Structures are given as C-alpha cells and as structure tokens.
Amino acid sequence: MYDITAGQSLWNKNFVILSLANSLLFMVFDMLMPTLPVFIAKHGGTSSQIGLIMGAFTFSAIFIRVITGNLAHRINQKILLVLGVAACMLATAGYYWSTSTLSTFGIRLVHGLGFGVATTLYATLAAAFIPANRRGEGLGYFGVGETIGISLGPFLGIWFMEQHGFEGVFGAGALFLLFAIFITWPVAVPLLPAEETTPRRQETPKESSPVDLFIEKRVLLQSGLALLLGLSFGGILSFLALYAKEAAIPNVAYFFFVNATSGLVVRFVAGRIFDRKGPGMLIGASAVLCSAGTFVLAEASTTFSLICAAVLYGTGMGAAFPALQAWCINVVPVNRREHAMGTFLNFFDLGIGLGAVLLGVVAAATGYSMMYKASIAFLIGYWLLYQVFGRRQNADGKSG
C-alpha cells in the first residue's frame, strides 16, 4: 500500500505512470476514430450502421461507469483497472477478425465497457497520488497526457492504415495497450492520510438512497456544466468535416490538431489558477473562449480562420476540464471518487451524443453555419448555470 504524506511530490512515480498509461489509452481510442468507420464500410456497413456501431461505444461506456464505483469497492482497484485496459486491448485486436457489422457492433460494446472502467479508475487513482493542495494543477497535468494522446491518435491511425493496412492499425493499438497494462501493474494501491479519508461534516458515510449506488449527487452541478460543454462539443465532432467540405475549407484535420494542442498548453496554467482562485475565473474564461471559437468557426472560409477557431475553442475547453475534474474530486469523500468521476464523464459523453442529435436537426433546417451559432446557446447556459448555482460551492472548489 502507498501512503501520501504532506511532503509528497506531485511528480511521483505512480502519478507519472498513471498519466502515461492513460495517454496511451486515449491515443489508441483516437487511432480508431478515423479508421474504424473505413473498416466497417469496407465490410459492407452502411452509413446508419457505422453511426450505430460508433455510438454503441459511448452508451456501453456510460453504462459501466454508473457501476464502476461499486465494483471498485468490491474488487481491488488496480485489478479492475487492468481488466478494463485488457478489455480495450482485446477489443482493439478483435476488430481485425470481425467479418460482419453485427460482430463489430459486439466488439465495440466490449471496447466501451473496458474504456468506461479504465478512464474512471485512471483519473481517480491519479488524483489519489496528487497532494491535496495541488490537485487542480495535478489533474491539469494528468489531462495533458490525454490531450497528447488525442492529438497523436488520429494521425497515427491514418498513417498505420495507409502504410500497413488495418492489420497495422489494430495490431499497433493492441501493442500500445499491452504496454499500458505492463506499466500499470506495478502501481501501488493508494492509502490516503486521515484527513483525506474523514468525511466532511455535511457528508454521510453511507449511501442514502439507491440512486447513490450509480450517481454521485454532490457533483451534479459540475456534471451539468460538463453536459452543456458536451452539447457544444458534439456539434464540433460530428459535423466539422461536412461543414468544411460544404464551405470548401481545406485541411480540416488541422482544426483537431490545433484544438488539442491549445488545450494542452493552457492546462499547464489552468490547474494552478484553480488551486489559487477556485473554478469561477476558469469557467467564465472558458465560456467566452469557446463561444468566440464557435462563432469564428461559423464564419470560417479559410484554413487560417479554421485554425483561429481551434485555438480559441481548444483553449476554452483546456481551461474548463481540469477545473471541473478537480472540483468534483474536492467535494466528495475518498470512497465516492469513482462515483464522482463516473458521473462527471457520463454527463459529458451524454452531452456529446445529445449534441450531435439536436444540432443535426438544427443543421438540417438551417445549415451548418447557423447551427454553430445556435450552439453558442449551450455555452451561455453553461456560464449562467455556474453563476446561479456554482458560487456556493466555491469554498469546496478551493479547498482540498
């Protein structure tokens, strides 16, 4: 067992390993985002089937996250984490042998289950190895690994597909995840100090209702903010390529790279701002930056304007996420952290899915440019939600 003390360094061995392994998990996930649809189409999948298969991942990840917290209190956290990554590894390799849309659908469900478990536990274990007074900063650095994985993944996936075919994509992805398992296994299971394990005065140590088995109610505000960000981000993810094609904007892949890179850079300072000032400043800044980026995107007609939109939007998202994650960790006792992270991530993923559906309806009626302008309403709602309800929790957000 591993005991965190007041003098514990942020860059301890366990934190670094967990950050690296989590980065590999996200990199492999994003290697498949541009390549798996091509694989499905090659095997006769229609557009609707491709959408269903890709979406199945999100729903299975959401399903497993609502019970991951309870599983983590019955099964050793590290063993459960390794099982989650192993499921991702086997699914990634298994795609290559899939011969029908039905079998690919089944593999995708398994992949989502593993990803839901692994993302929840990597975040909660990493938080346990971060000194409490540097949690915002530490989770910001932890998120840098995710951002690097998201940046490299699509490019690596396409490169492997072009150079080595689908065998290269799925084989390399499985090997990356095998390495993630290898480096995760020696990580210690954290034993936190007394002040971290003592429930706060207003907290009850036992679940008060069946809902508490699946949802952490103390982070519903933070999760609601994540939902609104996801609604906006769903439109970016789902329709940017089609919008760029319609507007004759070349090099649309630059948007995703610059968006991820901007998010990476800002995370180096966002976490420190959270630790010193709380979430308010970062949430306000992220609302302004994401709204400005979305508006620039709606008016874009050149690669340069697309890149400008990516800088603004990526900086806004990069400022928001470490603050919201650290805020979630800070307002719950240690034995509810898995529930908190699962609830938070599920709301964000749900927002992405709902955003794609809702904004798709808007796009069909008004066009992509107007759709992006309309999506700014979600970001205004995000800012208003914090203004109305968030200030009360600022003290919890500042304290570890």
Protein backbone atom coordinates (compact mmCIF):
# COMPACT_ATOMS: atom_id res chain seq x y z
CA MET A 1 0.00 0.00 0.00
CA TYR A 2 1.09 3.57 -0.68
CA ASP A 3 0.71 6.41 1.80
CA ILE A 4 0.55 10.01 0.58
CA THR A 5 2.10 12.47 3.01
CA ALA A 6 2.07 16.23 3.15
CA GLY A 7 5.54 16.32 1.59
CA GLN A 8 4.67 14.05 -1.32
CA SER A 9 5.98 15.29 -4.67
CA LEU A 10 3.45 15.87 -7.41
CA TRP A 11 5.69 14.12 -9.93
CA ASN A 12 5.88 10.84 -8.03
CA LYS A 13 6.38 7.55 -9.84
CA ASN A 14 2.79 6.36 -9.56
CA PHE A 15 1.32 9.61 -10.88
CA VAL A 16 3.68 9.65 -13.87
CA ILE A 17 2.93 6.01 -14.74
CA LEU A 18 -0.83 6.50 -14.50
CA SER A 19 -0.64 9.64 -16.65
CA LEU A 20 1.40 7.85 -19.33
CA ALA A 21 -0.84 4.78 -19.40
CA ASN A 22 -3.96 6.94 -19.59
CA SER A 23 -2.41 8.83 -22.50
CA LEU A 24 -1.86 5.54 -24.37
CA LEU A 25 -5.47 4.52 -23.71
CA PHE A 26 -6.78 7.73 -25.28
CA MET A 27 -4.29 7.58 -28.14
CA VAL A 28 -5.49 4.13 -29.20
CA PHE A 29 -9.12 5.21 -28.86
CA ASP A 30 -8.44 8.15 -31.21
CA MET A 31 -6.43 5.98 -33.62
CA LEU A 32 -9.70 4.17 -34.30
CA MET A 33 -11.93 7.23 -34.69
CA PRO A 34 -10.97 7.98 -38.33
CA THR A 35 -10.06 4.40 -39.31
CA LEU A 36 -12.76 2.14 -37.87
CA PRO A 37 -15.55 3.71 -39.99
CA VAL A 38 -13.47 2.97 -43.11
CA PHE A 39 -13.01 -0.62 -41.93
CA ILE A 40 -16.77 -1.02 -41.34
CA ALA A 41 -17.62 0.46 -44.75
CA LYS A 42 -15.12 -1.84 -46.43
CA HIS A 43 -17.00 -4.78 -44.94
CA GLY A 44 -20.33 -3.58 -46.27
CA GLY A 45 -21.56 -1.36 -43.46
CA THR A 46 -23.99 1.44 -44.36
CA SER A 47 -23.78 4.98 -43.02
CA SER A 48 -26.52 4.30 -40.47
CA GLN A 49 -24.78 1.11 -39.34
CA ILE A 50 -21.48 2.94 -38.98
CA GLY A 51 -23.18 5.56 -36.82
CA LEU A 52 -24.83 2.90 -34.68
CA ILE A 53 -21.60 0.96 -34.16
CA MET A 54 -19.56 4.04 -33.32
CA GLY A 55 -22.28 5.30 -30.96
CA ALA A 56 -22.59 1.95 -29.19
CA PHE A 57 -19.20 2.62 -27.61
CA THR A 58 -20.47 5.69 -25.77
CA PHE A 59 -23.56 4.02 -24.40
CA SER A 60 -21.69 0.97 -23.10
CA ALA A 61 -19.08 3.25 -21.50
CA ILE A 62 -21.84 5.24 -19.80
CA PHE A 63 -23.50 2.05 -18.58
CA ILE A 64 -20.38 0.62 -16.97
CA ARG A 65 -19.34 3.90 -15.36
CA VAL A 66 -22.51 4.03 -13.25
CA ILE A 67 -21.47 0.80 -11.52
CA THR A 68 -17.68 1.18 -11.61
CA GLY A 69 -17.63 2.90 -8.22
CA ASN A 70 -19.43 -0.01 -6.60
CA LEU A 71 -17.23 -2.56 -8.35
CA ALA A 72 -14.13 -0.71 -7.17
CA HIS A 73 -15.18 -1.23 -3.55
CA ARG A 74 -15.61 -4.97 -4.10
CA ILE A 75 -12.64 -5.64 -6.38
CA ASN A 76 -9.09 -4.35 -5.97
CA GLN A 77 -8.95 -1.03 -7.86
CA LYS A 78 -5.76 -1.90 -9.71
CA ILE A 79 -7.02 -5.31 -10.80
CA LEU A 80 -10.28 -3.76 -12.04
CA LEU A 81 -8.30 -1.10 -13.91
CA VAL A 82 -6.09 -3.69 -15.58
CA LEU A 83 -9.16 -5.72 -16.57
CA GLY A 84 -10.62 -2.60 -18.16
CA VAL A 85 -7.48 -1.90 -20.19
CA ALA A 86 -7.23 -5.58 -21.14
CA ALA A 87 -10.81 -5.46 -22.48
CA CYS A 88 -9.80 -2.46 -24.62
CA MET A 89 -6.71 -4.33 -25.86
CA LEU A 90 -8.64 -7.48 -26.79
CA ALA A 91 -11.37 -5.46 -28.50
CA THR A 92 -8.82 -3.44 -30.49
CA ALA A 93 -7.16 -6.62 -31.73
CA GLY A 94 -10.53 -8.29 -32.23
CA TYR A 95 -11.75 -5.75 -34.78
CA TYR A 96 -9.36 -7.21 -37.33
CA TRP A 97 -11.07 -10.60 -37.23
CA SER A 98 -14.57 -9.17 -37.38
CA THR A 99 -16.35 -10.23 -40.57
CA SER A 100 -19.77 -8.60 -40.14
CA THR A 101 -21.36 -5.44 -38.81
CA LEU A 102 -23.00 -7.48 -36.06
CA SER A 103 -19.71 -8.83 -34.74
CA THR A 104 -18.11 -5.39 -34.97
CA PHE A 105 -21.05 -4.00 -33.02
CA GLY A 106 -20.48 -6.58 -30.28
CA ILE A 107 -16.75 -5.85 -30.11
CA ARG A 108 -17.49 -2.14 -29.93
CA LEU A 109 -19.73 -2.72 -26.91
CA VAL A 110 -16.94 -4.62 -25.14
CA HIS A 111 -14.48 -1.86 -26.02
CA GLY A 112 -16.82 0.74 -24.49
CA LEU A 113 -17.14 -1.27 -21.28
CA GLY A 114 -13.38 -1.51 -20.89
CA PHE A 115 -12.87 2.16 -21.74
CA GLY A 116 -15.51 3.27 -19.24
CA VAL A 117 -13.84 1.35 -16.42
CA ALA A 118 -10.30 2.37 -17.36
CA THR A 119 -10.94 6.11 -17.80
CA THR A 120 -12.78 6.32 -14.48
CA LEU A 121 -10.11 4.48 -12.48
CA TYR A 122 -7.08 6.11 -14.11
CA ALA A 123 -8.48 9.52 -13.13
CA THR A 124 -9.41 8.55 -9.58
CA LEU A 125 -6.16 6.72 -8.87
CA ALA A 126 -4.10 9.58 -10.30
CA ALA A 127 -5.99 12.03 -8.07
CA ALA A 128 -5.10 9.90 -5.05
CA PHE A 129 -1.37 10.38 -5.75
CA ILE A 130 -1.64 14.17 -6.08
CA PRO A 131 -1.02 16.32 -2.98
CA ALA A 132 -4.39 17.77 -1.96
CA ASN A 133 -3.21 21.39 -2.17
CA ARG A 134 -2.06 20.85 -5.79
CA ARG A 135 -4.98 18.79 -7.07
CA GLY A 136 -6.11 21.24 -9.73
CA GLU A 137 -2.56 21.59 -11.04
CA GLY A 138 -2.00 17.84 -10.92
CA LEU A 139 -5.19 16.96 -12.77
CA GLY A 140 -4.30 19.61 -15.32
CA TYR A 141 -1.02 17.83 -15.96
CA PHE A 142 -2.83 14.49 -15.99
CA GLY A 143 -5.11 15.86 -18.70
CA VAL A 144 -2.09 16.90 -20.74
CA GLY A 145 -1.44 13.20 -21.35
CA GLU A 146 -4.98 12.74 -22.61
CA THR A 147 -4.58 15.73 -24.89
CA ILE A 148 -1.31 14.41 -26.33
CA GLY A 149 -2.99 11.07 -26.99
CA ILE A 150 -5.96 12.75 -28.64
CA SER A 151 -3.59 14.84 -30.79
CA LEU A 152 -1.42 11.94 -31.96
CA GLY A 153 -4.09 9.26 -32.24
CA PRO A 154 -5.84 10.24 -35.49
CA PHE A 155 -2.57 10.89 -37.30
CA LEU A 156 -1.05 7.60 -36.15
CA GLY A 157 -4.22 5.70 -37.06
CA ILE A 158 -4.30 7.09 -40.58
CA TRP A 159 -0.54 6.53 -41.01
CA PHE A 160 -0.75 2.89 -39.93
CA MET A 161 -3.78 2.34 -42.18
CA GLU A 162 -2.04 3.81 -45.21
CA GLN A 163 1.31 2.12 -44.59
CA HIS A 164 0.30 -1.23 -43.10
CA GLY A 165 -3.45 -1.57 -43.61
CA PHE A 166 -5.99 -2.33 -40.92
CA GLU A 167 -3.76 -5.04 -39.52
CA GLY A 168 -1.25 -2.31 -38.69
CA VAL A 169 -3.86 -0.11 -37.00
CA PHE A 170 -5.37 -2.82 -34.82
CA GLY A 171 -2.06 -4.58 -34.13
CA ALA A 172 -0.24 -1.40 -33.11
CA GLY A 173 -3.17 -0.30 -30.98
CA ALA A 174 -3.23 -3.63 -29.15
CA LEU A 175 0.52 -3.44 -28.52
CA PHE A 176 0.25 0.09 -27.11
CA LEU A 177 -2.43 -1.10 -24.70
CA LEU A 178 -0.37 -4.15 -23.74
CA PHE A 179 2.42 -1.77 -22.79
CA ALA A 180 -0.10 0.30 -20.78
CA ILE A 181 -1.04 -2.84 -18.81
CA PHE A 182 2.63 -3.67 -18.28
CA ILE A 183 3.45 -0.28 -16.74
CA THR A 184 0.17 -0.05 -14.77
CA TRP A 185 0.60 -3.34 -12.94
CA PRO A 186 3.41 -2.15 -10.56
CA VAL A 187 1.41 0.94 -9.49
CA ALA A 188 0.66 0.96 -5.77
CA VAL A 189 -2.88 0.99 -4.42
CA PRO A 190 -3.11 4.30 -2.54
CA LEU A 191 -3.65 4.53 1.19
CA LEU A 192 -4.66 8.11 1.91
CA PRO A 193 -3.96 10.07 5.10
CA ALA A 194 -6.60 10.52 7.79
CA GLU A 195 -7.69 13.99 6.75
CA GLU A 196 -8.49 12.68 3.28
CA THR A 197 -10.50 9.71 4.45
CA THR A 198 -12.54 11.53 7.11
CA PRO A 199 -15.93 12.53 5.67
CA ARG A 200 -16.77 16.21 5.82
CA ARG A 201 -19.32 17.46 8.28
CA GLN A 202 -22.15 17.69 5.78
CA GLU A 203 -21.39 14.32 4.22
CA THR A 204 -22.88 10.99 5.19
CA PRO A 205 -20.59 7.96 5.01
CA LYS A 206 -23.32 5.67 3.71
CA GLU A 207 -25.45 5.85 0.57
CA SER A 208 -28.80 7.36 1.49
CA SER A 209 -30.76 6.04 -1.47
CA PRO A 210 -30.48 3.52 -4.33
CA VAL A 211 -29.62 6.41 -6.66
CA ASP A 212 -26.36 6.88 -4.75
CA LEU A 213 -25.20 3.47 -5.97
CA PHE A 214 -24.98 4.85 -9.52
CA ILE A 215 -24.81 8.66 -9.39
CA GLU A 216 -22.85 10.97 -7.13
CA LYS A 217 -25.36 13.73 -6.36
CA ARG A 218 -22.71 16.05 -4.91
CA VAL A 219 -21.22 16.59 -8.38
CA LEU A 220 -24.46 17.12 -10.29
CA LEU A 221 -23.62 20.80 -10.74
CA GLN A 222 -20.17 20.05 -12.16
CA SER A 223 -21.66 17.27 -14.28
CA GLY A 224 -24.36 19.61 -15.56
CA LEU A 225 -21.65 22.03 -16.64
CA ALA A 226 -19.87 19.15 -18.40
CA LEU A 227 -23.15 18.18 -20.11
CA LEU A 228 -23.51 21.68 -21.57
CA LEU A 229 -19.90 21.65 -22.77
CA GLY A 230 -20.54 18.24 -24.33
CA LEU A 231 -23.63 19.53 -26.17
CA SER A 232 -21.44 22.16 -27.80
CA PHE A 233 -18.55 19.78 -28.46
CA GLY A 234 -20.88 17.21 -30.05
CA GLY A 235 -21.51 19.57 -32.93
CA ILE A 236 -17.79 20.19 -33.39
CA LEU A 237 -17.00 16.47 -33.51
CA SER A 238 -19.90 15.32 -35.63
CA PHE A 239 -20.24 17.93 -38.35
CA LEU A 240 -16.94 19.73 -38.81
CA ALA A 241 -15.77 17.58 -41.73
CA LEU A 242 -19.10 18.02 -43.52
CA TYR A 243 -19.12 21.75 -42.79
CA ALA A 244 -15.58 22.18 -44.09
CA LYS A 245 -16.46 20.28 -47.25
CA GLU A 246 -19.55 22.43 -47.79
CA ALA A 247 -17.55 25.63 -47.20
CA ALA A 248 -14.63 24.38 -49.34
CA ILE A 249 -12.17 24.75 -46.45
CA PRO A 250 -9.10 22.51 -46.94
CA ASN A 251 -7.02 20.76 -44.27
CA VAL A 252 -9.81 20.24 -41.78
CA ALA A 253 -7.55 17.88 -39.80
CA TYR A 254 -5.59 20.94 -38.67
CA PHE A 255 -8.55 22.00 -36.54
CA PHE A 256 -8.39 18.87 -34.39
CA PHE A 257 -4.62 19.06 -34.00
CA VAL A 258 -4.55 22.76 -33.11
CA ASN A 259 -7.61 22.38 -30.87
CA ALA A 260 -5.90 19.61 -28.89
CA THR A 261 -2.56 21.43 -28.77
CA SER A 262 -4.17 24.63 -27.47
CA GLY A 263 -5.94 22.63 -24.78
CA LEU A 264 -2.64 21.03 -23.83
CA VAL A 265 -0.81 24.34 -23.44
CA VAL A 266 -3.46 26.00 -21.28
CA ARG A 267 -3.66 23.02 -18.90
CA PHE A 268 -0.18 23.89 -17.62
CA VAL A 269 -1.57 27.06 -16.04
CA ALA A 270 -5.29 26.29 -15.60
CA GLY A 271 -4.75 23.84 -12.76
CA ARG A 272 -2.65 26.34 -10.79
CA ILE A 273 -5.32 29.01 -11.25
CA PHE A 274 -7.91 26.58 -9.89
CA ASP A 275 -5.80 25.81 -6.82
CA ARG A 276 -5.38 29.52 -6.04
CA LYS A 277 -8.68 31.06 -7.18
CA GLY A 278 -11.21 28.24 -7.49
CA PRO A 279 -13.24 27.39 -10.60
CA GLY A 280 -15.05 30.70 -11.21
CA MET A 281 -12.41 32.50 -13.27
CA LEU A 282 -11.72 29.44 -15.43
CA ILE A 283 -15.39 28.73 -16.10
CA GLY A 284 -16.00 32.34 -17.14
CA ALA A 285 -12.94 32.35 -19.40
CA SER A 286 -13.85 29.01 -20.96
CA ALA A 287 -17.39 30.21 -21.74
CA VAL A 288 -16.05 33.31 -23.51
CA LEU A 289 -13.29 31.47 -25.39
CA CYS A 290 -15.46 28.56 -26.53
CA SER A 291 -18.22 30.93 -27.64
CA ALA A 292 -15.75 33.07 -29.59
CA GLY A 293 -14.21 29.97 -31.17
CA THR A 294 -17.61 28.64 -32.17
CA PHE A 295 -18.59 31.98 -33.75
CA VAL A 296 -15.31 32.19 -35.68
CA LEU A 297 -15.89 28.62 -36.86
CA ALA A 298 -19.40 29.51 -38.04
CA GLU A 299 -17.93 32.32 -40.16
CA ALA A 300 -14.83 30.42 -41.32
CA SER A 301 -13.95 30.29 -45.00
CA THR A 302 -10.20 29.57 -44.96
CA THR A 303 -7.79 27.22 -43.22
CA PHE A 304 -6.42 30.18 -41.27
CA SER A 305 -9.84 31.07 -39.84
CA LEU A 306 -10.37 27.39 -39.01
CA ILE A 307 -7.10 27.39 -37.06
CA CYS A 308 -8.07 30.59 -35.22
CA ALA A 309 -11.34 28.94 -34.19
CA ALA A 310 -9.40 25.89 -33.00
CA VAL A 311 -7.07 27.99 -30.84
CA LEU A 312 -9.98 29.75 -29.14
CA TYR A 313 -12.14 26.67 -28.66
CA GLY A 314 -9.28 24.41 -27.57
CA THR A 315 -8.02 26.96 -25.04
CA GLY A 316 -11.52 27.26 -23.58
CA MET A 317 -12.00 23.51 -23.24
CA GLY A 318 -8.49 23.08 -21.83
CA ALA A 319 -9.20 25.70 -19.17
CA ALA A 320 -12.51 24.13 -18.14
CA PHE A 321 -11.72 20.45 -17.83
CA PRO A 322 -9.00 20.29 -15.15
CA ALA A 323 -11.00 22.76 -13.06
CA LEU A 324 -14.22 20.75 -13.28
CA GLN A 325 -12.46 17.42 -12.60
CA ALA A 326 -10.55 18.78 -9.60
CA TRP A 327 -13.74 20.42 -8.30
CA CYS A 328 -15.51 17.05 -8.48
CA ILE A 329 -12.75 15.35 -6.52
CA ASN A 330 -12.71 18.09 -3.88
CA VAL A 331 -16.40 17.96 -2.95
CA VAL A 332 -16.70 14.22 -2.28
CA PRO A 333 -15.09 11.88 0.26
CA VAL A 334 -12.46 9.46 -0.98
CA ASN A 335 -14.82 6.47 -1.10
CA ARG A 336 -17.04 8.33 -3.60
CA ARG A 337 -14.39 9.49 -6.04
CA GLU A 338 -15.05 6.71 -8.58
CA HIS A 339 -18.75 7.59 -8.48
CA ALA A 340 -17.93 11.28 -8.92
CA MET A 341 -15.65 10.72 -11.92
CA GLY A 342 -18.08 8.26 -13.48
CA THR A 343 -20.97 10.69 -13.10
CA PHE A 344 -18.93 13.58 -14.50
CA LEU A 345 -17.63 11.67 -17.53
CA ASN A 346 -21.04 10.17 -18.27
CA PHE A 347 -22.71 13.57 -18.35
CA PHE A 348 -20.02 14.88 -20.72
CA ASP A 349 -20.35 11.87 -23.04
CA LEU A 350 -24.14 12.12 -22.89
CA GLY A 351 -23.85 15.77 -23.89
CA ILE A 352 -21.73 14.85 -26.90
CA GLY A 353 -24.29 12.28 -28.04
CA LEU A 354 -27.30 14.53 -27.49
CA GLY A 355 -25.50 17.49 -29.05
CA ALA A 356 -24.89 15.55 -32.24
CA VAL A 357 -28.58 14.63 -32.47
CA LEU A 358 -30.01 18.04 -31.56
CA LEU A 359 -27.58 20.06 -33.64
CA GLY A 360 -28.07 17.67 -36.54
CA VAL A 361 -31.74 18.63 -36.57
CA VAL A 362 -30.78 22.32 -36.49
CA ALA A 363 -28.26 21.83 -39.31
CA ALA A 364 -30.84 20.10 -41.48
CA ALA A 365 -33.18 23.07 -41.05
CA THR A 366 -30.74 25.99 -41.17
CA GLY A 367 -27.33 24.81 -42.43
CA TYR A 368 -24.06 24.20 -40.60
CA SER A 369 -23.04 27.83 -40.10
CA MET A 370 -26.28 28.76 -38.38
CA MET A 371 -26.14 25.51 -36.41
CA TYR A 372 -22.79 26.50 -34.91
CA LYS A 373 -24.10 29.93 -34.00
CA ALA A 374 -27.13 28.33 -32.35
CA SER A 375 -24.85 26.03 -30.33
CA ILE A 376 -23.43 29.08 -28.54
CA ALA A 377 -26.67 29.00 -26.53
CA PHE A 378 -25.33 25.90 -24.74
CA LEU A 379 -22.22 27.84 -23.71
CA ILE A 380 -24.30 30.76 -22.46
CA GLY A 381 -26.33 28.26 -20.43
CA TYR A 382 -23.05 26.81 -19.10
CA TRP A 383 -21.97 30.22 -17.81
CA LEU A 384 -25.39 31.03 -16.35
CA LEU A 385 -25.58 27.68 -14.55
CA TYR A 386 -22.35 28.44 -12.75
CA GLN A 387 -23.40 32.00 -11.92
CA VAL A 388 -26.69 30.86 -10.40
CA PHE A 389 -25.56 27.74 -8.53
CA GLY A 390 -21.78 27.48 -8.62
CA ARG A 391 -20.67 30.26 -6.30
CA ARG A 392 -21.97 28.41 -3.26
CA GLN A 393 -19.50 25.59 -3.86
CA ASN A 394 -16.50 27.83 -4.49
CA ALA A 395 -15.15 27.23 -1.00
CA ASP A 396 -15.18 23.50 -1.64
CA GLY A 397 -13.56 24.06 -5.02
CA LYS A 398 -10.68 25.95 -3.44
CA SER A 399 -10.09 23.58 -0.58
CA GLY A 400 -8.63 20.13 -0.97
